[in-house]
Amino acid sequence: MTATGPVRLADLIEQRKLLWVYCRDCGRERDLDPAALLLPPDWPVPDVGKRMVCSACGSRKVTTAPELCHGGVAAERARRRANADG
């Protein structure tokens, strides 16, 4: 039987997925390349937010998860705009 646990930064890197970062105070969200973070690859994704501070409002109430949309939230917004335009 294989043990399971939280998704780790190494999992995102291997799957070429982004890290979704969301501030629960101001609502700012963005996607980061998990390979660019100065954390060990075996770091659990849910714990990454505990070490972050929102660059917009300074809050420490930051949630992190695997990307919500393929290519990240910016790519999803661009797809929606493209679909709305034509």
PDB file of N, CA and C in Angstrom:
ATOM      1  N   MET A   1       0.843  -1.179   0.000  1.00  0.00           N
ATOM      2  CA  MET A   1       0.000   0.000   0.000  1.00  0.00           C
ATOM      3  C   MET A   1       0.887   1.241   0.000  1.00  0.00           C
ATOM      4  N   THR A   2       0.547   2.206  -0.819  1.00  0.00           N
ATOM      5  CA  THR A   2       1.329   3.424  -0.942  1.00  0.00           C
ATOM      6  C   THR A   2       0.750   4.505  -0.040  1.00  0.00           C
ATOM      7  N   ALA A   3       1.609   5.163   0.687  1.00  0.00           N
ATOM      8  CA  ALA A   3       1.164   6.271   1.541  1.00  0.00           C
ATOM      9  C   ALA A   3       0.883   7.489   0.675  1.00  0.00           C
ATOM     10  N   THR A   4      -0.148   8.190   1.029  1.00  0.00           N
ATOM     11  CA  THR A   4      -0.470   9.422   0.318  1.00  0.00           C
ATOM     12  C   THR A   4      -0.393  10.576   1.304  1.00  0.00           C
ATOM     13  N   GLY A   5      -0.184  11.727   0.783  1.00  0.00           N
ATOM     14  CA  GLY A   5      -0.093  12.910   1.616  1.00  0.00           C
ATOM     15  C   GLY A   5      -0.395  14.126   0.770  1.00  0.00           C
ATOM     16  N   PRO A   6      -0.094  15.288   1.289  1.00  0.00           N
ATOM     17  CA  PRO A   6      -0.376  16.505   0.535  1.00  0.00           C
ATOM     18  C   PRO A   6       0.507  16.616  -0.710  1.00  0.00           C
ATOM     19  N   VAL A   7       0.006  17.321  -1.684  1.00  0.00           N
ATOM     20  CA  VAL A   7       0.790  17.616  -2.887  1.00  0.00           C
ATOM     21  C   VAL A   7       1.998  18.429  -2.458  1.00  0.00           C
ATOM     22  N   ARG A   8       3.135  18.150  -3.038  1.00  0.00           N
ATOM     23  CA  ARG A   8       4.377  18.838  -2.702  1.00  0.00           C
ATOM     24  C   ARG A   8       4.844  19.665  -3.889  1.00  0.00           C
ATOM     25  N   LEU A   9       5.713  20.624  -3.627  1.00  0.00           N
ATOM     26  CA  LEU A   9       6.242  21.465  -4.703  1.00  0.00           C
ATOM     27  C   LEU A   9       6.864  20.601  -5.802  1.00  0.00           C
ATOM     28  N   ALA A  10       7.553  19.526  -5.425  1.00  0.00           N
ATOM     29  CA  ALA A  10       8.168  18.637  -6.416  1.00  0.00           C
ATOM     30  C   ALA A  10       7.125  18.040  -7.353  1.00  0.00           C
ATOM     31  N   ASP A  11       5.923  17.745  -6.826  1.00  0.00           N
ATOM     32  CA  ASP A  11       4.847  17.209  -7.669  1.00  0.00           C
ATOM     33  C   ASP A  11       4.443  18.226  -8.731  1.00  0.00           C
ATOM     34  N   LEU A  12       4.314  19.490  -8.318  1.00  0.00           N
ATOM     35  CA  LEU A  12       3.938  20.542  -9.270  1.00  0.00           C
ATOM     36  C   LEU A  12       5.023  20.731 -10.325  1.00  0.00           C
ATOM     37  N   ILE A  13       6.269  20.718  -9.883  1.00  0.00           N
ATOM     38  CA  ILE A  13       7.390  20.892 -10.813  1.00  0.00           C
ATOM     39  C   ILE A  13       7.403  19.751 -11.827  1.00  0.00           C
ATOM     40  N   GLU A  14       7.248  18.535 -11.334  1.00  0.00           N
ATOM     41  CA  GLU A  14       7.251  17.360 -12.212  1.00  0.00           C
ATOM     42  C   GLU A  14       6.109  17.405 -13.220  1.00  0.00           C
ATOM     43  N   GLN A  15       4.939  17.859 -12.782  1.00  0.00           N
ATOM     44  CA  GLN A  15       3.757  17.913 -13.644  1.00  0.00           C
ATOM     45  C   GLN A  15       3.663  19.213 -14.444  1.00  0.00           C
ATOM     46  N   ARG A  16       4.666  20.076 -14.278  1.00  0.00           N
ATOM     47  CA  ARG A  16       4.699  21.378 -14.948  1.00  0.00           C
ATOM     48  C   ARG A  16       3.439  22.203 -14.669  1.00  0.00           C
ATOM     49  N   LYS A  17       3.076  22.228 -13.403  1.00  0.00           N
ATOM     50  CA  LYS A  17       1.927  23.016 -12.961  1.00  0.00           C
ATOM     51  C   LYS A  17       2.415  24.199 -12.144  1.00  0.00           C
ATOM     52  N   LEU A  18       1.583  25.207 -12.082  1.00  0.00           N
ATOM     53  CA  LEU A  18       1.896  26.403 -11.318  1.00  0.00           C
ATOM     54  C   LEU A  18       1.352  26.290  -9.905  1.00  0.00           C
ATOM     55  N   LEU A  19       1.835  27.143  -9.031  1.00  0.00           N
ATOM     56  CA  LEU A  19       1.340  27.244  -7.659  1.00  0.00           C
ATOM     57  C   LEU A  19       0.382  28.427  -7.613  1.00  0.00           C
ATOM     58  N   TRP A  20      -0.879  28.168  -7.258  1.00  0.00           N
ATOM     59  CA  TRP A  20      -1.874  29.230  -7.126  1.00  0.00           C
ATOM     60  C   TRP A  20      -1.732  29.845  -5.742  1.00  0.00           C
ATOM     61  N   VAL A  21      -1.663  31.168  -5.689  1.00  0.00           N
ATOM     62  CA  VAL A  21      -1.489  31.903  -4.435  1.00  0.00           C
ATOM     63  C   VAL A  21      -2.637  32.901  -4.314  1.00  0.00           C
ATOM     64  N   TYR A  22      -3.336  32.871  -3.179  1.00  0.00           N
ATOM     65  CA  TYR A  22      -4.526  33.704  -2.982  1.00  0.00           C
ATOM     66  C   TYR A  22      -4.485  34.366  -1.611  1.00  0.00           C
ATOM     67  N   CYS A  23      -4.698  35.676  -1.578  1.00  0.00           N
ATOM     68  CA  CYS A  23      -4.772  36.414  -0.321  1.00  0.00           C
ATOM     69  C   CYS A  23      -6.226  36.444   0.144  1.00  0.00           C
ATOM     70  N   ARG A  24      -6.481  35.910   1.325  1.00  0.00           N
ATOM     71  CA  ARG A  24      -7.845  35.857   1.855  1.00  0.00           C
ATOM     72  C   ARG A  24      -8.320  37.211   2.363  1.00  0.00           C
ATOM     73  N   ASP A  25      -7.418  38.180   2.513  1.00  0.00           N
ATOM     74  CA  ASP A  25      -7.837  39.506   2.968  1.00  0.00           C
ATOM     75  C   ASP A  25      -8.233  40.420   1.806  1.00  0.00           C
ATOM     76  N   CYS A  26      -7.384  40.527   0.786  1.00  0.00           N
ATOM     77  CA  CYS A  26      -7.673  41.489  -0.293  1.00  0.00           C
ATOM     78  C   CYS A  26      -8.151  40.820  -1.588  1.00  0.00           C
ATOM     79  N   GLY A  27      -8.032  39.493  -1.679  1.00  0.00           N
ATOM     80  CA  GLY A  27      -8.518  38.793  -2.862  1.00  0.00           C
ATOM     81  C   GLY A  27      -7.539  38.723  -4.016  1.00  0.00           C
ATOM     82  N   ARG A  28      -6.342  39.236  -3.827  1.00  0.00           N
ATOM     83  CA  ARG A  28      -5.357  39.162  -4.913  1.00  0.00           C
ATOM     84  C   ARG A  28      -4.983  37.702  -5.126  1.00  0.00           C
ATOM     85  N   GLU A  29      -4.862  37.336  -6.392  1.00  0.00           N
ATOM     86  CA  GLU A  29      -4.425  35.984  -6.711  1.00  0.00           C
ATOM     87  C   GLU A  29      -3.441  36.036  -7.854  1.00  0.00           C
ATOM     88  N   ARG A  30      -2.547  35.068  -7.850  1.00  0.00           N
ATOM     89  CA  ARG A  30      -1.570  34.958  -8.925  1.00  0.00           C
ATOM     90  C   ARG A  30      -1.033  33.547  -8.928  1.00  0.00           C
ATOM     91  N   ASP A  31      -0.323  33.214  -9.955  1.00  0.00           N
ATOM     92  CA  ASP A  31       0.296  31.905 -10.074  1.00  0.00           C
ATOM     93  C   ASP A  31       1.803  32.088 -10.110  1.00  0.00           C
ATOM     94  N   LEU A  32       2.503  31.203  -9.422  1.00  0.00           N
ATOM     95  CA  LEU A  32       3.953  31.257  -9.372  1.00  0.00           C
ATOM     96  C   LEU A  32       4.542  29.954  -9.881  1.00  0.00           C
ATOM     97  N   ASP A  33       5.731  30.044 -10.417  1.00  0.00           N
ATOM     98  CA  ASP A  33       6.478  28.863 -10.815  1.00  0.00           C
ATOM     99  C   ASP A  33       7.043  28.248  -9.535  1.00  0.00           C
ATOM    100  N   PRO A  34       6.626  27.034  -9.166  1.00  0.00           N
ATOM    101  CA  PRO A  34       7.109  26.459  -7.917  1.00  0.00           C
ATOM    102  C   PRO A  34       8.615  26.221  -7.903  1.00  0.00           C
ATOM    103  N   ALA A  35       9.233  26.058  -9.062  1.00  0.00           N
ATOM    104  CA  ALA A  35      10.680  25.850  -9.124  1.00  0.00           C
ATOM    105  C   ALA A  35      11.446  27.116  -8.750  1.00  0.00           C
ATOM    106  N   ALA A  36      10.794  28.279  -8.831  1.00  0.00           N
ATOM    107  CA  ALA A  36      11.460  29.544  -8.533  1.00  0.00           C
ATOM    108  C   ALA A  36      11.433  29.887  -7.040  1.00  0.00           C
ATOM    109  N   LEU A  37      10.671  29.135  -6.267  1.00  0.00           N
ATOM    110  CA  LEU A  37      10.582  29.417  -4.835  1.00  0.00           C
ATOM    111  C   LEU A  37      11.822  28.905  -4.116  1.00  0.00           C
ATOM    112  N   LEU A  38      12.210  29.613  -3.099  1.00  0.00           N
ATOM    113  CA  LEU A  38      13.392  29.221  -2.326  1.00  0.00           C
ATOM    114  C   LEU A  38      12.990  28.302  -1.171  1.00  0.00           C
ATOM    115  N   LEU A  39      12.293  27.239  -1.525  1.00  0.00           N
ATOM    116  CA  LEU A  39      11.858  26.240  -0.553  1.00  0.00           C
ATOM    117  C   LEU A  39      12.258  24.863  -1.061  1.00  0.00           C
ATOM    118  N   PRO A  40      12.435  23.906  -0.158  1.00  0.00           N
ATOM    119  CA  PRO A  40      12.767  22.554  -0.610  1.00  0.00           C
ATOM    120  C   PRO A  40      11.639  21.961  -1.453  1.00  0.00           C
ATOM    121  N   PRO A  41      11.968  21.150  -2.449  1.00  0.00           N
ATOM    122  CA  PRO A  41      10.944  20.572  -3.318  1.00  0.00           C
ATOM    123  C   PRO A  41       9.963  19.659  -2.591  1.00  0.00           C
ATOM    124  N   ASP A  42      10.354  19.119  -1.432  1.00  0.00           N
ATOM    125  CA  ASP A  42       9.438  18.232  -0.717  1.00  0.00           C
ATOM    126  C   ASP A  42       8.475  18.993   0.201  1.00  0.00           C
ATOM    127  N   TRP A  43       8.477  20.316   0.093  1.00  0.00           N
ATOM    128  CA  TRP A  43       7.602  21.162   0.920  1.00  0.00           C
ATOM    129  C   TRP A  43       6.147  20.948   0.498  1.00  0.00           C
ATOM    130  N   PRO A  44       5.230  20.706   1.443  1.00  0.00           N
ATOM    131  CA  PRO A  44       3.807  20.544   1.106  1.00  0.00           C
ATOM    132  C   PRO A  44       3.201  21.854   0.604  1.00  0.00           C
ATOM    133  N   VAL A  45       2.462  21.766  -0.481  1.00  0.00           N
ATOM    134  CA  VAL A  45       1.855  22.956  -1.099  1.00  0.00           C
ATOM    135  C   VAL A  45       0.986  23.742  -0.112  1.00  0.00           C
ATOM    136  N   PRO A  46       0.129  23.094   0.700  1.00  0.00           N
ATOM    137  CA  PRO A  46      -0.688  23.893   1.625  1.00  0.00           C
ATOM    138  C   PRO A  46       0.126  24.695   2.634  1.00  0.00           C
ATOM    139  N   ASP A  47       1.351  24.240   2.942  1.00  0.00           N
ATOM    140  CA  ASP A  47       2.181  24.940   3.925  1.00  0.00           C
ATOM    141  C   ASP A  47       2.959  26.114   3.340  1.00  0.00           C
ATOM    142  N   VAL A  48       3.041  26.197   2.025  1.00  0.00           N
ATOM    143  CA  VAL A  48       3.791  27.285   1.386  1.00  0.00           C
ATOM    144  C   VAL A  48       3.177  28.632   1.760  1.00  0.00           C
ATOM    145  N   GLY A  49       1.859  28.724   1.745  1.00  0.00           N
ATOM    146  CA  GLY A  49       1.176  29.980   2.062  1.00  0.00           C
ATOM    147  C   GLY A  49       1.461  30.491   3.459  1.00  0.00           C
ATOM    148  N   LYS A  50       1.778  29.590   4.370  1.00  0.00           N
ATOM    149  CA  LYS A  50       2.081  29.987   5.751  1.00  0.00           C
ATOM    150  C   LYS A  50       3.371  30.793   5.838  1.00  0.00           C
ATOM    151  N   ARG A  51       4.181  30.735   4.801  1.00  0.00           N
ATOM    152  CA  ARG A  51       5.458  31.450   4.778  1.00  0.00           C
ATOM    153  C   ARG A  51       5.397  32.710   3.908  1.00  0.00           C
ATOM    154  N   MET A  52       4.219  33.013   3.364  1.00  0.00           N
ATOM    155  CA  MET A  52       4.103  34.127   2.414  1.00  0.00           C
ATOM    156  C   MET A  52       3.399  35.326   3.029  1.00  0.00           C
ATOM    157  N   VAL A  53       3.670  36.467   2.428  1.00  0.00           N
ATOM    158  CA  VAL A  53       3.009  37.721   2.772  1.00  0.00           C
ATOM    159  C   VAL A  53       2.487  38.304   1.468  1.00  0.00           C
ATOM    160  N   CYS A  54       1.247  38.768   1.467  1.00  0.00           N
ATOM    161  CA  CYS A  54       0.660  39.362   0.262  1.00  0.00           C
ATOM    162  C   CYS A  54       1.424  40.640  -0.107  1.00  0.00           C
ATOM    163  N   SER A  55       1.834  40.719  -1.360  1.00  0.00           N
ATOM    164  CA  SER A  55       2.577  41.908  -1.804  1.00  0.00           C
ATOM    165  C   SER A  55       1.666  43.106  -2.019  1.00  0.00           C
ATOM    166  N   ALA A  56       0.350  42.878  -2.055  1.00  0.00           N
ATOM    167  CA  ALA A  56      -0.582  43.992  -2.247  1.00  0.00           C
ATOM    168  C   ALA A  56      -0.995  44.637  -0.921  1.00  0.00           C
ATOM    169  N   CYS A  57      -1.320  43.800   0.083  1.00  0.00           N
ATOM    170  CA  CYS A  57      -1.855  44.373   1.328  1.00  0.00           C
ATOM    171  C   CYS A  57      -1.041  44.034   2.571  1.00  0.00           C
ATOM    172  N   GLY A  58      -0.060  43.156   2.447  1.00  0.00           N
ATOM    173  CA  GLY A  58       0.779  42.803   3.582  1.00  0.00           C
ATOM    174  C   GLY A  58       0.208  41.728   4.492  1.00  0.00           C
ATOM    175  N   SER A  59      -0.932  41.174   4.129  1.00  0.00           N
ATOM    176  CA  SER A  59      -1.560  40.141   4.945  1.00  0.00           C
ATOM    177  C   SER A  59      -0.748  38.854   4.929  1.00  0.00           C
ATOM    178  N   ARG A  60      -0.851  38.097   6.019  1.00  0.00           N
ATOM    179  CA  ARG A  60      -0.234  36.787   6.088  1.00  0.00           C
ATOM    180  C   ARG A  60      -1.287  35.690   5.902  1.00  0.00           C
ATOM    181  N   LYS A  61      -2.507  36.072   5.576  1.00  0.00           N
ATOM    182  CA  LYS A  61      -3.579  35.100   5.338  1.00  0.00           C
ATOM    183  C   LYS A  61      -3.541  34.682   3.872  1.00  0.00           C
ATOM    184  N   VAL A  62      -2.569  33.853   3.545  1.00  0.00           N
ATOM    185  CA  VAL A  62      -2.324  33.448   2.165  1.00  0.00           C
ATOM    186  C   VAL A  62      -2.595  31.952   2.029  1.00  0.00           C
ATOM    187  N   THR A  63      -3.389  31.602   1.033  1.00  0.00           N
ATOM    188  CA  THR A  63      -3.696  30.216   0.711  1.00  0.00           C
ATOM    189  C   THR A  63      -2.930  29.821  -0.535  1.00  0.00           C
ATOM    190  N   THR A  64      -2.400  28.609  -0.558  1.00  0.00           N
ATOM    191  CA  THR A  64      -1.705  28.105  -1.740  1.00  0.00           C
ATOM    192  C   THR A  64      -2.277  26.738  -2.106  1.00  0.00           C
ATOM    193  N   ALA A  65      -2.325  26.478  -3.414  1.00  0.00           N
ATOM    194  CA  ALA A  65      -2.853  25.222  -3.937  1.00  0.00           C
ATOM    195  C   ALA A  65      -2.288  25.019  -5.337  1.00  0.00           C
ATOM    196  N   PRO A  66      -2.414  23.803  -5.881  1.00  0.00           N
ATOM    197  CA  PRO A  66      -2.036  23.615  -7.280  1.00  0.00           C
ATOM    198  C   PRO A  66      -2.891  24.527  -8.166  1.00  0.00           C
ATOM    199  N   GLU A  67      -2.367  24.902  -9.326  1.00  0.00           N
ATOM    200  CA  GLU A  67      -3.090  25.814 -10.221  1.00  0.00           C
ATOM    201  C   GLU A  67      -4.536  25.372 -10.389  1.00  0.00           C
ATOM    202  N   LEU A  68      -5.434  26.345 -10.400  1.00  0.00           N
ATOM    203  CA  LEU A  68      -6.859  26.067 -10.531  1.00  0.00           C
ATOM    204  C   LEU A  68      -7.270  25.895 -11.988  1.00  0.00           C
ATOM    205  N   CYS A  69      -6.588  26.559 -12.881  1.00  0.00           N
ATOM    206  CA  CYS A  69      -6.898  26.533 -14.309  1.00  0.00           C
ATOM    207  C   CYS A  69      -5.634  26.152 -15.060  1.00  0.00           C
ATOM    208  N   HIS A  70      -5.790  25.426 -16.159  1.00  0.00           N
ATOM    209  CA  HIS A  70      -4.629  25.038 -16.956  1.00  0.00           C
ATOM    210  C   HIS A  70      -3.865  26.283 -17.392  1.00  0.00           C
ATOM    211  N   GLY A  71      -2.611  26.377 -17.019  1.00  0.00           N
ATOM    212  CA  GLY A  71      -1.797  27.530 -17.377  1.00  0.00           C
ATOM    213  C   GLY A  71      -1.926  28.688 -16.417  1.00  0.00           C
ATOM    214  N   GLY A  72      -2.793  28.562 -15.413  1.00  0.00           N
ATOM    215  CA  GLY A  72      -2.942  29.597 -14.404  1.00  0.00           C
ATOM    216  C   GLY A  72      -4.128  30.515 -14.628  1.00  0.00           C
ATOM    217  N   VAL A  73      -4.386  31.371 -13.637  1.00  0.00           N
ATOM    218  CA  VAL A  73      -5.552  32.253 -13.693  1.00  0.00           C
ATOM    219  C   VAL A  73      -5.430  33.297 -14.792  1.00  0.00           C
ATOM    220  N   ALA A  74      -4.232  33.777 -15.055  1.00  0.00           N
ATOM    221  CA  ALA A  74      -4.059  34.775 -16.121  1.00  0.00           C
ATOM    222  C   ALA A  74      -4.400  34.165 -17.482  1.00  0.00           C
ATOM    223  N   ALA A  75      -3.991  32.928 -17.712  1.00  0.00           N
ATOM    224  CA  ALA A  75      -4.307  32.255 -18.973  1.00  0.00           C
ATOM    225  C   ALA A  75      -5.808  32.032 -19.096  1.00  0.00           C
ATOM    226  N   GLU A  76      -6.451  31.685 -18.003  1.00  0.00           N
ATOM    227  CA  GLU A  76      -7.907  31.471 -18.034  1.00  0.00           C
ATOM    228  C   GLU A  76      -8.641  32.773 -18.339  1.00  0.00           C
ATOM    229  N   ARG A  77      -8.203  33.863 -17.739  1.00  0.00           N
ATOM    230  CA  ARG A  77      -8.831  35.165 -18.035  1.00  0.00           C
ATOM    231  C   ARG A  77      -8.664  35.529 -19.504  1.00  0.00           C
ATOM    232  N   ALA A  78      -7.490  35.286 -20.064  1.00  0.00           N
ATOM    233  CA  ALA A  78      -7.237  35.580 -21.483  1.00  0.00           C
ATOM    234  C   ALA A  78      -8.140  34.726 -22.371  1.00  0.00           C
ATOM    235  N   ARG A  79      -8.318  33.443 -22.010  1.00  0.00           N
ATOM    236  CA  ARG A  79      -9.214  32.586 -22.798  1.00  0.00           C
ATOM    237  C   ARG A  79     -10.648  33.094 -22.743  1.00  0.00           C
ATOM    238  N   ARG A  80     -11.085  33.519 -21.576  1.00  0.00           N
ATOM    239  CA  ARG A  80     -12.453  34.041 -21.453  1.00  0.00           C
ATOM    240  C   ARG A  80     -12.656  35.315 -22.255  1.00  0.00           C
ATOM    241  N   ARG A  81     -11.641  36.204 -22.227  1.00  0.00           N
ATOM    242  CA  ARG A  81     -11.735  37.441 -23.018  1.00  0.00           C
ATOM    243  C   ARG A  81     -11.798  37.107 -24.511  1.00  0.00           C
ATOM    244  N   ALA A  82     -10.972  36.181 -24.944  1.00  0.00           N
ATOM    245  CA  ALA A  82     -10.951  35.785 -26.354  1.00  0.00           C
ATOM    246  C   ALA A  82     -12.292  35.201 -26.782  1.00  0.00           C
ATOM    247  N   ASN A  83     -12.897  34.391 -25.926  1.00  0.00           N
ATOM    248  CA  ASN A  83     -14.196  33.803 -26.243  1.00  0.00           C
ATOM    249  C   ASN A  83     -15.289  34.861 -26.271  1.00  0.00           C
ATOM    250  N   ALA A  84     -15.198  35.850 -25.386  1.00  0.00           N
ATOM    251  CA  ALA A  84     -16.206  36.912 -25.349  1.00  0.00           C
ATOM    252  C   ALA A  84     -16.096  37.841 -26.540  1.00  0.00           C
ATOM    253  N   ASP A  85     -14.865  38.018 -27.056  1.00  0.00           N
ATOM    254  CA  ASP A  85     -14.638  38.914 -28.187  1.00  0.00           C
ATOM    255  C   ASP A  85     -15.021  38.295 -29.512  1.00  0.00           C
ATOM    256  N   GLY A  86     -15.153  37.014 -29.548  1.00  0.00           N
ATOM    257  CA  GLY A  86     -15.480  36.536 -30.866  1.00  0.00           C
ATOM    258  C   GLY A  86     -15.520  35.106 -31.032  1.00  0.00           C
TER     259      GLY A  86
END
